[in-house]
Amino acid sequence: MCQLFATPVANQIQGEVKKRVDGFRQLHNRPPKLSVVLVGNDAASQIYTRRKGELATRLGMDHETILFPANAIPTHVREQVQRLNEDPLVDGILIQRPLPKSFREEEVLYWIDPSKDVDAFHPLHAGELVLGIPTLQPCTPSGIMELLAFYKISVQGKLVCVVGRSPIVGKPMATLLLNSDATVIHCHSKTPNMGKLTREAEVVIIAAGKPGLIGSAEIQPGAVVVDVGIHRNSDGKLCGDVRFDEVAPIASAITPVPGGVGPMTLSILMRNTILAAEQRAQL
């Protein structure tokens, strides 16, 4: 069993980003800039936002976090996002999820200028992804593809099962796999006999958001298992959607939690930011 640790892959991507950031600074006499909008005081969101800022700064980018209280009026937040859209010194904009219930996600998706949407959630990016047109890609699914490539795990011609259909991970993950010539089974909360389908797959990617959902009975021996979930169990320890101790002995490769998918998401976010800066500089 091989554990798919993100650190060597993330370090490689971040090293490449750092070189591109340095080149951008020399060419344009300014650093690329990432602006993060955070609404509310969700503890996990605050941690994620801080990590994004720290990494951006370490790679030589300019960074800011714009804070709003949990009871912020959506139109006020949208006005700030629009100011960022119009600011020529801002290259990437990210609205931290989850948002308070007063926000309608189907509206928020359109707020960020697609050229600055480094989360790649805008419907324009989603459509381009489906059509196979080069575009900014959602960070977690793109990071998973990089992780598999680094460990020389090809999905071409393989049967791959994706568990979860969120627009952030599950749906774009299935699309990226199809674009890479995988045969995709897509499961979700309404899928009957899901374990029968996951057992058929040579690669299983689980992004269901349910701790311990997948055990050894749901995985065929020798399968590659990618666990996107991250939770705290009753003992306060981090865990994923996969029961790691059960599945690891039979898997040929598996991502640990933590240390698997998470660092990839941040690294791709940084790569999206410098890519957005480079593309905007050419307009």
C-alpha atoms as a PDB file:
ATOM      1  CA  MET A   1       0.000   0.000   0.000  1.00  0.00           C
ATOM      2  CA  CYS A   2       1.324   3.420  -1.033  1.00  0.00           C
ATOM      3  CA  GLN A   3       0.193   6.558   0.756  1.00  0.00           C
ATOM      4  CA  LEU A   4      -0.335   9.477  -1.606  1.00  0.00           C
ATOM      5  CA  PHE A   5       1.186  12.302   0.426  1.00  0.00           C
ATOM      6  CA  ALA A   6       0.566  15.764  -0.989  1.00  0.00           C
ATOM      7  CA  THR A   7       3.710  17.468   0.315  1.00  0.00           C
ATOM      8  CA  PRO A   8       6.132  16.595  -2.526  1.00  0.00           C
ATOM      9  CA  VAL A   9       3.537  17.448  -5.192  1.00  0.00           C
ATOM     10  CA  ALA A  10       2.478  20.662  -3.470  1.00  0.00           C
ATOM     11  CA  ASN A  11       6.100  21.728  -3.050  1.00  0.00           C
ATOM     12  CA  GLN A  12       6.741  21.172  -6.747  1.00  0.00           C
ATOM     13  CA  ILE A  13       3.691  23.213  -7.792  1.00  0.00           C
ATOM     14  CA  GLN A  14       4.483  25.980  -5.332  1.00  0.00           C
ATOM     15  CA  GLY A  15       8.077  26.137  -6.569  1.00  0.00           C
ATOM     16  CA  GLU A  16       6.818  26.619 -10.124  1.00  0.00           C
ATOM     17  CA  VAL A  17       4.340  29.267  -8.963  1.00  0.00           C
ATOM     18  CA  LYS A  18       7.092  31.138  -7.101  1.00  0.00           C
ATOM     19  CA  LYS A  19       9.198  31.338 -10.271  1.00  0.00           C
ATOM     20  CA  ARG A  20       6.218  32.649 -12.256  1.00  0.00           C
ATOM     21  CA  VAL A  21       5.396  35.191  -9.531  1.00  0.00           C
ATOM     22  CA  ASP A  22       8.995  36.439  -9.556  1.00  0.00           C
ATOM     23  CA  GLY A  23       8.851  36.765 -13.317  1.00  0.00           C
ATOM     24  CA  PHE A  24       5.538  38.619 -13.160  1.00  0.00           C
ATOM     25  CA  ARG A  25       6.928  41.075 -10.616  1.00  0.00           C
ATOM     26  CA  GLN A  26       9.942  41.820 -12.782  1.00  0.00           C
ATOM     27  CA  LEU A  27       7.842  42.287 -15.907  1.00  0.00           C
ATOM     28  CA  HIS A  28       5.013  44.340 -14.420  1.00  0.00           C
ATOM     29  CA  ASN A  29       6.695  46.035 -11.434  1.00  0.00           C
ATOM     30  CA  ARG A  30       4.115  44.691  -9.007  1.00  0.00           C
ATOM     31  CA  PRO A  31       3.183  41.380  -7.407  1.00  0.00           C
ATOM     32  CA  PRO A  32       0.060  39.432  -8.348  1.00  0.00           C
ATOM     33  CA  LYS A  33      -2.686  40.076  -5.802  1.00  0.00           C
ATOM     34  CA  LEU A  34      -5.218  37.714  -4.232  1.00  0.00           C
ATOM     35  CA  SER A  35      -8.238  39.164  -2.403  1.00  0.00           C
ATOM     36  CA  VAL A  36     -10.313  36.917  -0.145  1.00  0.00           C
ATOM     37  CA  VAL A  37     -13.788  37.877   1.071  1.00  0.00           C
ATOM     38  CA  LEU A  38     -14.785  36.270   4.379  1.00  0.00           C
ATOM     39  CA  VAL A  39     -18.317  36.634   5.748  1.00  0.00           C
ATOM     40  CA  GLY A  40     -18.918  35.605   9.353  1.00  0.00           C
ATOM     41  CA  ASN A  41     -16.744  34.025  12.026  1.00  0.00           C
ATOM     42  CA  ASP A  42     -16.815  30.332  11.130  1.00  0.00           C
ATOM     43  CA  ALA A  43     -13.697  28.912  12.793  1.00  0.00           C
ATOM     44  CA  ALA A  44     -12.750  26.559   9.958  1.00  0.00           C
ATOM     45  CA  SER A  45     -13.194  29.308   7.362  1.00  0.00           C
ATOM     46  CA  GLN A  46     -10.959  31.617   9.384  1.00  0.00           C
ATOM     47  CA  ILE A  47      -8.244  28.943   9.462  1.00  0.00           C
ATOM     48  CA  TYR A  48      -8.511  28.257   5.734  1.00  0.00           C
ATOM     49  CA  THR A  49      -8.460  31.965   4.929  1.00  0.00           C
ATOM     50  CA  ARG A  50      -5.373  32.534   7.072  1.00  0.00           C
ATOM     51  CA  ARG A  51      -3.556  29.649   5.384  1.00  0.00           C
ATOM     52  CA  LYS A  52      -4.356  31.036   1.946  1.00  0.00           C
ATOM     53  CA  GLY A  53      -2.950  34.403   2.931  1.00  0.00           C
ATOM     54  CA  GLU A  54       0.186  32.925   4.450  1.00  0.00           C
ATOM     55  CA  LEU A  55       0.920  30.819   1.388  1.00  0.00           C
ATOM     56  CA  ALA A  56       0.253  33.689  -1.031  1.00  0.00           C
ATOM     57  CA  THR A  57       2.671  35.890   0.921  1.00  0.00           C
ATOM     58  CA  ARG A  58       5.300  33.147   1.052  1.00  0.00           C
ATOM     59  CA  LEU A  59       5.133  32.805  -2.740  1.00  0.00           C
ATOM     60  CA  GLY A  60       5.632  36.538  -3.206  1.00  0.00           C
ATOM     61  CA  MET A  61       2.057  37.588  -3.894  1.00  0.00           C
ATOM     62  CA  ASP A  62       0.156  40.488  -2.405  1.00  0.00           C
ATOM     63  CA  HIS A  63      -2.822  39.405  -0.321  1.00  0.00           C
ATOM     64  CA  GLU A  64      -5.738  40.861   1.563  1.00  0.00           C
ATOM     65  CA  THR A  65      -8.676  39.427   3.493  1.00  0.00           C
ATOM     66  CA  ILE A  66     -11.827  41.551   3.568  1.00  0.00           C
ATOM     67  CA  LEU A  67     -13.987  40.712   6.574  1.00  0.00           C
ATOM     68  CA  PHE A  68     -17.755  41.064   6.912  1.00  0.00           C
ATOM     69  CA  PRO A  69     -19.911  40.159   9.924  1.00  0.00           C
ATOM     70  CA  ALA A  70     -22.209  37.143   9.681  1.00  0.00           C
ATOM     71  CA  ASN A  71     -25.236  39.449   9.441  1.00  0.00           C
ATOM     72  CA  ALA A  72     -23.788  41.393   6.498  1.00  0.00           C
ATOM     73  CA  ILE A  73     -26.296  42.385   3.843  1.00  0.00           C
ATOM     74  CA  PRO A  74     -25.543  40.461   0.623  1.00  0.00           C
ATOM     75  CA  THR A  75     -25.798  43.596  -1.523  1.00  0.00           C
ATOM     76  CA  HIS A  76     -23.070  45.245   0.569  1.00  0.00           C
ATOM     77  CA  VAL A  77     -20.785  42.267   0.052  1.00  0.00           C
ATOM     78  CA  ARG A  78     -21.562  42.259  -3.647  1.00  0.00           C
ATOM     79  CA  GLU A  79     -20.643  45.942  -3.889  1.00  0.00           C
ATOM     80  CA  GLN A  80     -17.243  45.190  -2.370  1.00  0.00           C
ATOM     81  CA  VAL A  81     -16.721  42.295  -4.772  1.00  0.00           C
ATOM     82  CA  GLN A  82     -17.566  44.605  -7.654  1.00  0.00           C
ATOM     83  CA  ARG A  83     -14.934  47.081  -6.438  1.00  0.00           C
ATOM     84  CA  LEU A  84     -12.428  44.256  -6.493  1.00  0.00           C
ATOM     85  CA  ASN A  85     -13.556  43.310 -10.009  1.00  0.00           C
ATOM     86  CA  GLU A  86     -12.810  46.869 -11.119  1.00  0.00           C
ATOM     87  CA  ASP A  87      -9.476  47.177  -9.287  1.00  0.00           C
ATOM     88  CA  PRO A  88      -6.683  46.679 -11.861  1.00  0.00           C
ATOM     89  CA  LEU A  89      -4.259  45.641  -9.113  1.00  0.00           C
ATOM     90  CA  VAL A  90      -6.418  42.698  -7.995  1.00  0.00           C
ATOM     91  CA  ASP A  91      -5.799  39.532 -10.034  1.00  0.00           C
ATOM     92  CA  GLY A  92      -7.668  36.873  -8.071  1.00  0.00           C
ATOM     93  CA  ILE A  93     -10.833  37.038  -5.973  1.00  0.00           C
ATOM     94  CA  LEU A  94     -12.179  34.327  -3.715  1.00  0.00           C
ATOM     95  CA  ILE A  95     -15.381  34.309  -1.656  1.00  0.00           C
ATOM     96  CA  GLN A  96     -14.862  31.899   1.230  1.00  0.00           C
ATOM     97  CA  ARG A  97     -17.546  29.241   1.620  1.00  0.00           C
ATOM     98  CA  PRO A  98     -19.776  28.406   3.406  1.00  0.00           C
ATOM     99  CA  LEU A  99     -21.737  31.646   3.359  1.00  0.00           C
ATOM    100  CA  PRO A 100     -24.552  32.606   5.750  1.00  0.00           C
ATOM    101  CA  LYS A 101     -28.028  31.450   4.741  1.00  0.00           C
ATOM    102  CA  SER A 102     -28.994  34.984   3.688  1.00  0.00           C
ATOM    103  CA  PHE A 103     -26.768  34.531   0.611  1.00  0.00           C
ATOM    104  CA  ARG A 104     -28.074  32.723  -2.475  1.00  0.00           C
ATOM    105  CA  GLU A 105     -25.299  30.655  -3.987  1.00  0.00           C
ATOM    106  CA  GLU A 106     -26.878  30.721  -7.447  1.00  0.00           C
ATOM    107  CA  GLU A 107     -26.447  34.512  -7.388  1.00  0.00           C
ATOM    108  CA  VAL A 108     -23.019  34.620  -5.712  1.00  0.00           C
ATOM    109  CA  LEU A 109     -21.601  32.404  -8.470  1.00  0.00           C
ATOM    110  CA  TYR A 110     -21.946  35.324 -10.884  1.00  0.00           C
ATOM    111  CA  TRP A 111     -20.475  38.050  -8.666  1.00  0.00           C
ATOM    112  CA  ILE A 112     -16.797  37.584  -9.478  1.00  0.00           C
ATOM    113  CA  ASP A 113     -15.420  38.565 -12.867  1.00  0.00           C
ATOM    114  CA  PRO A 114     -14.560  35.200 -14.503  1.00  0.00           C
ATOM    115  CA  SER A 115     -11.050  36.451 -15.308  1.00  0.00           C
ATOM    116  CA  LYS A 116     -10.448  36.857 -11.549  1.00  0.00           C
ATOM    117  CA  ASP A 117     -12.422  33.842 -10.314  1.00  0.00           C
ATOM    118  CA  VAL A 118      -9.547  31.734  -8.973  1.00  0.00           C
ATOM    119  CA  ASP A 119     -11.916  29.261  -7.302  1.00  0.00           C
ATOM    120  CA  ALA A 120     -13.277  28.652 -10.833  1.00  0.00           C
ATOM    121  CA  PHE A 121     -16.876  28.405  -9.640  1.00  0.00           C
ATOM    122  CA  HIS A 122     -18.332  30.811 -12.212  1.00  0.00           C
ATOM    123  CA  PRO A 123     -20.729  29.113 -14.681  1.00  0.00           C
ATOM    124  CA  LEU A 124     -18.466  30.231 -17.528  1.00  0.00           C
ATOM    125  CA  HIS A 125     -15.619  28.114 -16.152  1.00  0.00           C
ATOM    126  CA  ALA A 126     -17.991  25.206 -15.485  1.00  0.00           C
ATOM    127  CA  GLY A 127     -19.197  25.288 -19.082  1.00  0.00           C
ATOM    128  CA  GLU A 128     -15.702  25.558 -20.532  1.00  0.00           C
ATOM    129  CA  LEU A 129     -14.602  22.630 -18.378  1.00  0.00           C
ATOM    130  CA  VAL A 130     -17.408  20.441 -19.712  1.00  0.00           C
ATOM    131  CA  LEU A 131     -16.590  21.440 -23.295  1.00  0.00           C
ATOM    132  CA  GLY A 132     -12.890  20.733 -22.811  1.00  0.00           C
ATOM    133  CA  ILE A 133     -11.904  24.359 -23.403  1.00  0.00           C
ATOM    134  CA  PRO A 134      -8.784  25.514 -21.487  1.00  0.00           C
ATOM    135  CA  THR A 135      -9.970  27.419 -18.428  1.00  0.00           C
ATOM    136  CA  LEU A 136      -9.319  27.998 -14.735  1.00  0.00           C
ATOM    137  CA  GLN A 137     -10.197  24.754 -12.965  1.00  0.00           C
ATOM    138  CA  PRO A 138     -11.734  24.163  -9.511  1.00  0.00           C
ATOM    139  CA  CYS A 139      -8.878  23.735  -7.086  1.00  0.00           C
ATOM    140  CA  THR A 140      -9.627  20.444  -5.352  1.00  0.00           C
ATOM    141  CA  PRO A 141     -10.456  18.349  -8.444  1.00  0.00           C
ATOM    142  CA  SER A 142      -7.520  19.828 -10.345  1.00  0.00           C
ATOM    143  CA  GLY A 143      -5.284  19.118  -7.363  1.00  0.00           C
ATOM    144  CA  ILE A 144      -6.406  15.489  -7.298  1.00  0.00           C
ATOM    145  CA  MET A 145      -5.499  15.088 -10.964  1.00  0.00           C
ATOM    146  CA  GLU A 146      -2.048  16.539 -10.224  1.00  0.00           C
ATOM    147  CA  LEU A 147      -1.636  14.181  -7.273  1.00  0.00           C
ATOM    148  CA  LEU A 148      -2.464  11.136  -9.388  1.00  0.00           C
ATOM    149  CA  ALA A 149      -0.153  12.283 -12.175  1.00  0.00           C
ATOM    150  CA  PHE A 150       2.745  12.851  -9.756  1.00  0.00           C
ATOM    151  CA  TYR A 151       2.440   9.282  -8.483  1.00  0.00           C
ATOM    152  CA  LYS A 152       2.127   8.010 -12.074  1.00  0.00           C
ATOM    153  CA  ILE A 153      -1.429   6.776 -11.605  1.00  0.00           C
ATOM    154  CA  SER A 154      -3.116   7.048 -14.987  1.00  0.00           C
ATOM    155  CA  VAL A 155      -6.906   7.115 -15.224  1.00  0.00           C
ATOM    156  CA  GLN A 156      -6.948   6.606 -18.978  1.00  0.00           C
ATOM    157  CA  GLY A 157      -9.187   3.669 -19.831  1.00  0.00           C
ATOM    158  CA  LYS A 158      -9.813   2.913 -16.167  1.00  0.00           C
ATOM    159  CA  LEU A 159     -13.120   2.590 -14.385  1.00  0.00           C
ATOM    160  CA  VAL A 160     -13.246   5.424 -11.847  1.00  0.00           C
ATOM    161  CA  CYS A 161     -16.012   5.960  -9.301  1.00  0.00           C
ATOM    162  CA  VAL A 162     -16.716   9.443  -7.931  1.00  0.00           C
ATOM    163  CA  VAL A 163     -18.814   9.597  -4.774  1.00  0.00           C
ATOM    164  CA  GLY A 164     -20.417  13.013  -4.290  1.00  0.00           C
ATOM    165  CA  ARG A 165     -21.927  15.519  -6.721  1.00  0.00           C
ATOM    166  CA  SER A 166     -21.197  18.952  -5.283  1.00  0.00           C
ATOM    167  CA  PRO A 167     -20.396  21.676  -7.820  1.00  0.00           C
ATOM    168  CA  ILE A 168     -17.151  22.304  -5.930  1.00  0.00           C
ATOM    169  CA  VAL A 169     -15.696  18.795  -6.097  1.00  0.00           C
ATOM    170  CA  GLY A 170     -17.890  15.947  -7.336  1.00  0.00           C
ATOM    171  CA  LYS A 171     -19.207  17.341 -10.610  1.00  0.00           C
ATOM    172  CA  PRO A 172     -15.992  18.970 -11.874  1.00  0.00           C
ATOM    173  CA  MET A 173     -14.051  15.904 -10.699  1.00  0.00           C
ATOM    174  CA  ALA A 174     -16.149  13.656 -12.925  1.00  0.00           C
ATOM    175  CA  THR A 175     -15.661  16.060 -15.832  1.00  0.00           C
ATOM    176  CA  LEU A 176     -11.869  16.191 -15.454  1.00  0.00           C
ATOM    177  CA  LEU A 177     -11.775  12.393 -15.358  1.00  0.00           C
ATOM    178  CA  LEU A 178     -13.870  12.139 -18.514  1.00  0.00           C
ATOM    179  CA  ASN A 179     -11.589  14.681 -20.185  1.00  0.00           C
ATOM    180  CA  SER A 180      -8.678  12.384 -19.262  1.00  0.00           C
ATOM    181  CA  ASP A 181     -10.320   9.368 -20.912  1.00  0.00           C
ATOM    182  CA  ALA A 182     -11.533   7.612 -17.765  1.00  0.00           C
ATOM    183  CA  THR A 183     -14.817   5.716 -17.686  1.00  0.00           C
ATOM    184  CA  VAL A 184     -16.739   7.334 -14.845  1.00  0.00           C
ATOM    185  CA  ILE A 185     -19.324   5.969 -12.442  1.00  0.00           C
ATOM    186  CA  HIS A 186     -20.894   8.844 -10.509  1.00  0.00           C
ATOM    187  CA  CYS A 187     -22.575   8.044  -7.174  1.00  0.00           C
ATOM    188  CA  HIS A 188     -24.420  10.294  -4.727  1.00  0.00           C
ATOM    189  CA  SER A 189     -26.760  10.203  -1.737  1.00  0.00           C
ATOM    190  CA  LYS A 190     -29.651   8.767  -3.797  1.00  0.00           C
ATOM    191  CA  THR A 191     -27.606   5.996  -5.416  1.00  0.00           C
ATOM    192  CA  PRO A 192     -28.949   2.560  -4.384  1.00  0.00           C
ATOM    193  CA  ASN A 193     -26.419  -0.192  -3.614  1.00  0.00           C
ATOM    194  CA  MET A 194     -23.566   2.267  -3.855  1.00  0.00           C
ATOM    195  CA  GLY A 195     -21.069  -0.212  -2.430  1.00  0.00           C
ATOM    196  CA  LYS A 196     -21.646  -2.513  -5.402  1.00  0.00           C
ATOM    197  CA  LEU A 197     -20.597   0.273  -7.755  1.00  0.00           C
ATOM    198  CA  THR A 198     -17.578   1.476  -5.762  1.00  0.00           C
ATOM    199  CA  ARG A 199     -16.311  -2.125  -5.591  1.00  0.00           C
ATOM    200  CA  GLU A 200     -16.213  -2.277  -9.385  1.00  0.00           C
ATOM    201  CA  ALA A 201     -13.904   0.720  -9.706  1.00  0.00           C
ATOM    202  CA  GLU A 202     -10.128   0.691 -10.086  1.00  0.00           C
ATOM    203  CA  VAL A 203      -9.974   4.237  -8.705  1.00  0.00           C
ATOM    204  CA  VAL A 204     -12.442   5.601  -6.138  1.00  0.00           C
ATOM    205  CA  ILE A 205     -12.641   9.313  -5.302  1.00  0.00           C
ATOM    206  CA  ILE A 206     -14.838  10.056  -2.292  1.00  0.00           C
ATOM    207  CA  ALA A 207     -16.165  13.568  -1.701  1.00  0.00           C
ATOM    208  CA  ALA A 208     -19.414  12.797   0.086  1.00  0.00           C
ATOM    209  CA  GLY A 209     -18.906  14.881   3.225  1.00  0.00           C
ATOM    210  CA  LYS A 210     -19.867  11.952   5.466  1.00  0.00           C
ATOM    211  CA  PRO A 211     -17.248  10.724   7.935  1.00  0.00           C
ATOM    212  CA  GLY A 212     -16.415   7.036   7.667  1.00  0.00           C
ATOM    213  CA  LEU A 213     -18.838   6.398   4.809  1.00  0.00           C
ATOM    214  CA  ILE A 214     -16.540   4.023   2.920  1.00  0.00           C
ATOM    215  CA  GLY A 215     -14.988   0.905   4.409  1.00  0.00           C
ATOM    216  CA  SER A 216     -13.166  -2.147   3.108  1.00  0.00           C
ATOM    217  CA  ALA A 217     -16.414  -3.770   1.961  1.00  0.00           C
ATOM    218  CA  GLU A 218     -16.913  -0.946  -0.541  1.00  0.00           C
ATOM    219  CA  ILE A 219     -13.430  -1.143  -2.123  1.00  0.00           C
ATOM    220  CA  GLN A 220     -11.963  -3.818  -4.375  1.00  0.00           C
ATOM    221  CA  PRO A 221      -8.484  -5.075  -3.436  1.00  0.00           C
ATOM    222  CA  GLY A 222      -5.801  -3.113  -5.277  1.00  0.00           C
ATOM    223  CA  ALA A 223      -7.921  -0.038  -5.914  1.00  0.00           C
ATOM    224  CA  VAL A 224      -6.596   3.516  -5.661  1.00  0.00           C
ATOM    225  CA  VAL A 225      -8.567   5.502  -3.058  1.00  0.00           C
ATOM    226  CA  VAL A 226      -8.675   9.304  -2.862  1.00  0.00           C
ATOM    227  CA  ASP A 227     -10.411  10.697   0.235  1.00  0.00           C
ATOM    228  CA  VAL A 228     -11.539  14.323  -0.065  1.00  0.00           C
ATOM    229  CA  GLY A 229     -13.446  14.441   3.233  1.00  0.00           C
ATOM    230  CA  ILE A 230     -12.104  16.057   6.375  1.00  0.00           C
ATOM    231  CA  HIS A 231     -13.945  15.909   9.701  1.00  0.00           C
ATOM    232  CA  ARG A 232     -13.330  15.589  13.420  1.00  0.00           C
ATOM    233  CA  ASN A 233     -14.452  12.361  15.062  1.00  0.00           C
ATOM    234  CA  SER A 234     -15.789  11.960  18.580  1.00  0.00           C
ATOM    235  CA  ASP A 235     -12.213  11.923  19.902  1.00  0.00           C
ATOM    236  CA  GLY A 236     -11.453  15.224  18.198  1.00  0.00           C
ATOM    237  CA  LYS A 237      -9.113  13.617  15.662  1.00  0.00           C
ATOM    238  CA  LEU A 238      -9.196  14.484  11.984  1.00  0.00           C
ATOM    239  CA  CYS A 239     -10.703  11.827   9.742  1.00  0.00           C
ATOM    240  CA  GLY A 240     -12.075  11.491   6.231  1.00  0.00           C
ATOM    241  CA  ASP A 241     -14.983   9.940   4.371  1.00  0.00           C
ATOM    242  CA  VAL A 242     -12.988   6.692   4.297  1.00  0.00           C
ATOM    243  CA  ARG A 243     -12.342   4.401   7.247  1.00  0.00           C
ATOM    244  CA  PHE A 244      -8.600   4.550   6.651  1.00  0.00           C
ATOM    245  CA  ASP A 245      -7.495   1.707   8.928  1.00  0.00           C
ATOM    246  CA  GLU A 246      -9.905  -0.659   7.156  1.00  0.00           C
ATOM    247  CA  VAL A 247      -9.226   0.385   3.596  1.00  0.00           C
ATOM    248  CA  ALA A 248      -5.467   1.052   3.618  1.00  0.00           C
ATOM    249  CA  PRO A 249      -4.429  -2.638   3.897  1.00  0.00           C
ATOM    250  CA  ILE A 250      -6.326  -3.583   0.725  1.00  0.00           C
ATOM    251  CA  ALA A 251      -5.756  -0.451  -1.375  1.00  0.00           C
ATOM    252  CA  SER A 252      -2.795  -0.180  -3.732  1.00  0.00           C
ATOM    253  CA  ALA A 253      -2.639   3.548  -2.955  1.00  0.00           C
ATOM    254  CA  ILE A 254      -4.602   5.857  -0.651  1.00  0.00           C
ATOM    255  CA  THR A 255      -4.557   9.492   0.447  1.00  0.00           C
ATOM    256  CA  PRO A 256      -4.156  10.110   4.185  1.00  0.00           C
ATOM    257  CA  VAL A 257      -6.316  12.568   6.128  1.00  0.00           C
ATOM    258  CA  PRO A 258      -4.825  15.028   6.830  1.00  0.00           C
ATOM    259  CA  GLY A 259      -1.917  15.386   4.419  1.00  0.00           C
ATOM    260  CA  GLY A 260      -3.520  14.089   1.238  1.00  0.00           C
ATOM    261  CA  VAL A 261      -5.879  16.275  -0.766  1.00  0.00           C
ATOM    262  CA  GLY A 262      -5.932  19.438   1.382  1.00  0.00           C
ATOM    263  CA  PRO A 263      -2.488  20.858   0.522  1.00  0.00           C
ATOM    264  CA  MET A 264      -3.217  20.270  -3.164  1.00  0.00           C
ATOM    265  CA  THR A 265      -6.232  22.566  -3.035  1.00  0.00           C
ATOM    266  CA  LEU A 266      -4.164  25.465  -1.702  1.00  0.00           C
ATOM    267  CA  SER A 267      -1.387  24.891  -4.231  1.00  0.00           C
ATOM    268  CA  ILE A 268      -3.777  24.942  -7.190  1.00  0.00           C
ATOM    269  CA  LEU A 269      -5.392  28.104  -5.827  1.00  0.00           C
ATOM    270  CA  MET A 270      -1.993  29.787  -5.960  1.00  0.00           C
ATOM    271  CA  ARG A 271      -1.410  28.476  -9.474  1.00  0.00           C
ATOM    272  CA  ASN A 272      -4.812  29.774 -10.569  1.00  0.00           C
ATOM    273  CA  THR A 273      -3.948  33.181  -9.127  1.00  0.00           C
ATOM    274  CA  ILE A 274      -0.702  33.591 -11.056  1.00  0.00           C
ATOM    275  CA  LEU A 275      -2.385  32.208 -14.188  1.00  0.00           C
ATOM    276  CA  ALA A 276      -5.191  34.742 -13.833  1.00  0.00           C
ATOM    277  CA  ALA A 277      -2.621  37.531 -13.371  1.00  0.00           C
ATOM    278  CA  GLU A 278      -0.673  36.446 -16.446  1.00  0.00           C
ATOM    279  CA  GLN A 279      -3.789  36.174 -18.602  1.00  0.00           C
ATOM    280  CA  ARG A 280      -5.131  39.545 -17.472  1.00  0.00           C
ATOM    281  CA  ALA A 281      -1.778  41.191 -18.224  1.00  0.00           C
ATOM    282  CA  GLN A 282      -2.139  40.054 -21.835  1.00  0.00           C
ATOM    283  CA  LEU A 283      -5.579  41.657 -22.327  1.00  0.00           C
END
